[in-house]
Amino acid sequence: MTEVKVVKFYPFEIPHKKGGLVGYADVKLGEEILIKAVRLMRNKYGGYYVLMPTVYVGEKNHEVVEVLSKELLEAIRKKVTEAYRESLKT
């Protein structure tokens, strides 16, 4: 499995009972790939999920990065969530 590392986390909490954006992260995969602006979202039940960077084309947002492996996507989510929790401690 590819090593996942959060290079930088940018907290962006907007209080909202139904969830929402809590921050952005720059995520490094191995030594070859850096994905900037991965969004960490909180769902209305308190869980977290990630959204890959998007670009606005016409009237729609399109993902710029698509993670095909569920295991890799889960590893990214875990690392970004850990970085978010660490940012709350400081």
C-alpha atoms as a PDB file:
ATOM      1  CA  MET A   1       0.000   0.000   0.000  1.00  0.00           C
ATOM      2  CA  THR A   2       1.159   3.517  -0.791  1.00  0.00           C
ATOM      3  CA  GLU A   3       2.325   5.595   2.173  1.00  0.00           C
ATOM      4  CA  VAL A   4      -0.087   8.452   2.932  1.00  0.00           C
ATOM      5  CA  LYS A   5       1.167  11.593   4.682  1.00  0.00           C
ATOM      6  CA  VAL A   6      -0.573  14.889   5.405  1.00  0.00           C
ATOM      7  CA  VAL A   7       1.944  17.610   4.540  1.00  0.00           C
ATOM      8  CA  LYS A   8      -0.220  20.517   5.741  1.00  0.00           C
ATOM      9  CA  PHE A   9      -3.694  20.854   7.223  1.00  0.00           C
ATOM     10  CA  TYR A  10      -5.688  24.063   6.963  1.00  0.00           C
ATOM     11  CA  PRO A  11      -8.569  24.137   9.486  1.00  0.00           C
ATOM     12  CA  PHE A  12     -11.680  25.840   8.173  1.00  0.00           C
ATOM     13  CA  GLU A  13     -14.433  25.129  10.656  1.00  0.00           C
ATOM     14  CA  ILE A  14     -17.760  26.787  10.112  1.00  0.00           C
ATOM     15  CA  PRO A  15     -20.119  25.676  12.894  1.00  0.00           C
ATOM     16  CA  HIS A  16     -23.155  23.945  11.459  1.00  0.00           C
ATOM     17  CA  LYS A  17     -25.320  21.262  13.028  1.00  0.00           C
ATOM     18  CA  LYS A  18     -25.754  19.412   9.759  1.00  0.00           C
ATOM     19  CA  GLY A  19     -22.016  19.061   9.149  1.00  0.00           C
ATOM     20  CA  GLY A  20     -19.917  20.765   6.520  1.00  0.00           C
ATOM     21  CA  LEU A  21     -16.355  21.685   5.662  1.00  0.00           C
ATOM     22  CA  VAL A  22     -13.845  21.430   8.516  1.00  0.00           C
ATOM     23  CA  GLY A  23     -10.602  21.895   6.593  1.00  0.00           C
ATOM     24  CA  TYR A  24      -8.328  21.387   3.630  1.00  0.00           C
ATOM     25  CA  ALA A  25      -5.235  19.185   3.446  1.00  0.00           C
ATOM     26  CA  ASP A  26      -2.255  18.712   1.183  1.00  0.00           C
ATOM     27  CA  VAL A  27      -1.726  14.941   1.000  1.00  0.00           C
ATOM     28  CA  LYS A  28       1.431  13.203  -0.186  1.00  0.00           C
ATOM     29  CA  LEU A  29       1.207   9.685  -1.646  1.00  0.00           C
ATOM     30  CA  GLY A  30       4.554   7.950  -1.437  1.00  0.00           C
ATOM     31  CA  GLU A  31       7.297  10.183  -2.795  1.00  0.00           C
ATOM     32  CA  GLU A  32       5.691  10.715  -6.177  1.00  0.00           C
ATOM     33  CA  ILE A  33       2.328  12.485  -5.825  1.00  0.00           C
ATOM     34  CA  LEU A  34       1.110  15.554  -3.905  1.00  0.00           C
ATOM     35  CA  ILE A  35      -2.623  16.242  -3.921  1.00  0.00           C
ATOM     36  CA  LYS A  36      -3.508  19.770  -2.812  1.00  0.00           C
ATOM     37  CA  ALA A  37      -6.844  20.940  -1.411  1.00  0.00           C
ATOM     38  CA  VAL A  38      -8.333  17.632  -0.286  1.00  0.00           C
ATOM     39  CA  ARG A  39     -11.450  18.681   1.642  1.00  0.00           C
ATOM     40  CA  LEU A  40     -12.370  17.109   4.973  1.00  0.00           C
ATOM     41  CA  MET A  41     -16.122  17.174   5.529  1.00  0.00           C
ATOM     42  CA  ARG A  42     -18.193  16.321   8.606  1.00  0.00           C
ATOM     43  CA  ASN A  43     -21.525  14.624   7.978  1.00  0.00           C
ATOM     44  CA  LYS A  44     -24.627  15.417  10.026  1.00  0.00           C
ATOM     45  CA  TYR A  45     -23.998  12.349  12.223  1.00  0.00           C
ATOM     46  CA  GLY A  46     -20.498  13.480  13.248  1.00  0.00           C
ATOM     47  CA  GLY A  47     -18.509  11.211  10.908  1.00  0.00           C
ATOM     48  CA  TYR A  48     -15.895  12.421   8.437  1.00  0.00           C
ATOM     49  CA  TYR A  49     -15.290  11.929   4.736  1.00  0.00           C
ATOM     50  CA  VAL A  50     -12.935  13.442   2.166  1.00  0.00           C
ATOM     51  CA  LEU A  51     -13.604  15.080  -1.176  1.00  0.00           C
ATOM     52  CA  MET A  52     -10.919  15.289  -3.824  1.00  0.00           C
ATOM     53  CA  PRO A  53     -10.095  18.635  -5.484  1.00  0.00           C
ATOM     54  CA  THR A  54     -12.564  19.825  -8.108  1.00  0.00           C
ATOM     55  CA  VAL A  55     -12.545  22.274 -10.976  1.00  0.00           C
ATOM     56  CA  TYR A  56     -15.573  24.252 -12.092  1.00  0.00           C
ATOM     57  CA  VAL A  57     -16.327  23.687 -15.796  1.00  0.00           C
ATOM     58  CA  GLY A  58     -19.436  25.198 -17.300  1.00  0.00           C
ATOM     59  CA  GLU A  59     -22.078  24.762 -14.651  1.00  0.00           C
ATOM     60  CA  LYS A  60     -20.632  21.701 -12.907  1.00  0.00           C
ATOM     61  CA  ASN A  61     -17.797  20.750 -10.585  1.00  0.00           C
ATOM     62  CA  HIS A  62     -15.602  17.918 -11.832  1.00  0.00           C
ATOM     63  CA  GLU A  63     -13.156  15.943  -9.690  1.00  0.00           C
ATOM     64  CA  VAL A  64      -9.555  16.513 -10.714  1.00  0.00           C
ATOM     65  CA  VAL A  65      -8.320  13.436  -8.833  1.00  0.00           C
ATOM     66  CA  GLU A  66     -10.156  10.133  -8.633  1.00  0.00           C
ATOM     67  CA  VAL A  67      -8.994   7.537  -6.120  1.00  0.00           C
ATOM     68  CA  LEU A  68      -9.847   4.107  -7.490  1.00  0.00           C
ATOM     69  CA  SER A  69      -8.818   2.061  -4.459  1.00  0.00           C
ATOM     70  CA  LYS A  70     -11.240   2.029  -1.509  1.00  0.00           C
ATOM     71  CA  GLU A  71      -8.351   1.122   0.782  1.00  0.00           C
ATOM     72  CA  LEU A  72      -6.301   4.117  -0.348  1.00  0.00           C
ATOM     73  CA  LEU A  73      -9.278   6.468  -0.018  1.00  0.00           C
ATOM     74  CA  GLU A  74      -9.889   5.175   3.518  1.00  0.00           C
ATOM     75  CA  ALA A  75      -6.193   5.656   4.395  1.00  0.00           C
ATOM     76  CA  ILE A  76      -6.380   9.252   3.131  1.00  0.00           C
ATOM     77  CA  ARG A  77      -9.539   9.877   5.174  1.00  0.00           C
ATOM     78  CA  LYS A  78      -7.932   8.493   8.335  1.00  0.00           C
ATOM     79  CA  LYS A  79      -4.751  10.564   7.951  1.00  0.00           C
ATOM     80  CA  VAL A  80      -6.617  13.791   7.182  1.00  0.00           C
ATOM     81  CA  THR A  81      -9.006  13.203  10.116  1.00  0.00           C
ATOM     82  CA  GLU A  82      -6.007  12.624  12.417  1.00  0.00           C
ATOM     83  CA  ALA A  83      -4.434  15.885  11.199  1.00  0.00           C
ATOM     84  CA  TYR A  84      -7.707  17.702  11.898  1.00  0.00           C
ATOM     85  CA  ARG A  85      -7.886  16.327  15.443  1.00  0.00           C
ATOM     86  CA  GLU A  86      -4.263  17.332  16.030  1.00  0.00           C
ATOM     87  CA  SER A  87      -5.064  20.874  14.858  1.00  0.00           C
ATOM     88  CA  LEU A  88      -7.775  21.084  17.533  1.00  0.00           C
ATOM     89  CA  LYS A  89      -5.204  20.453  20.268  1.00  0.00           C
ATOM     90  CA  THR A  90      -3.113  23.511  19.399  1.00  0.00           C
END
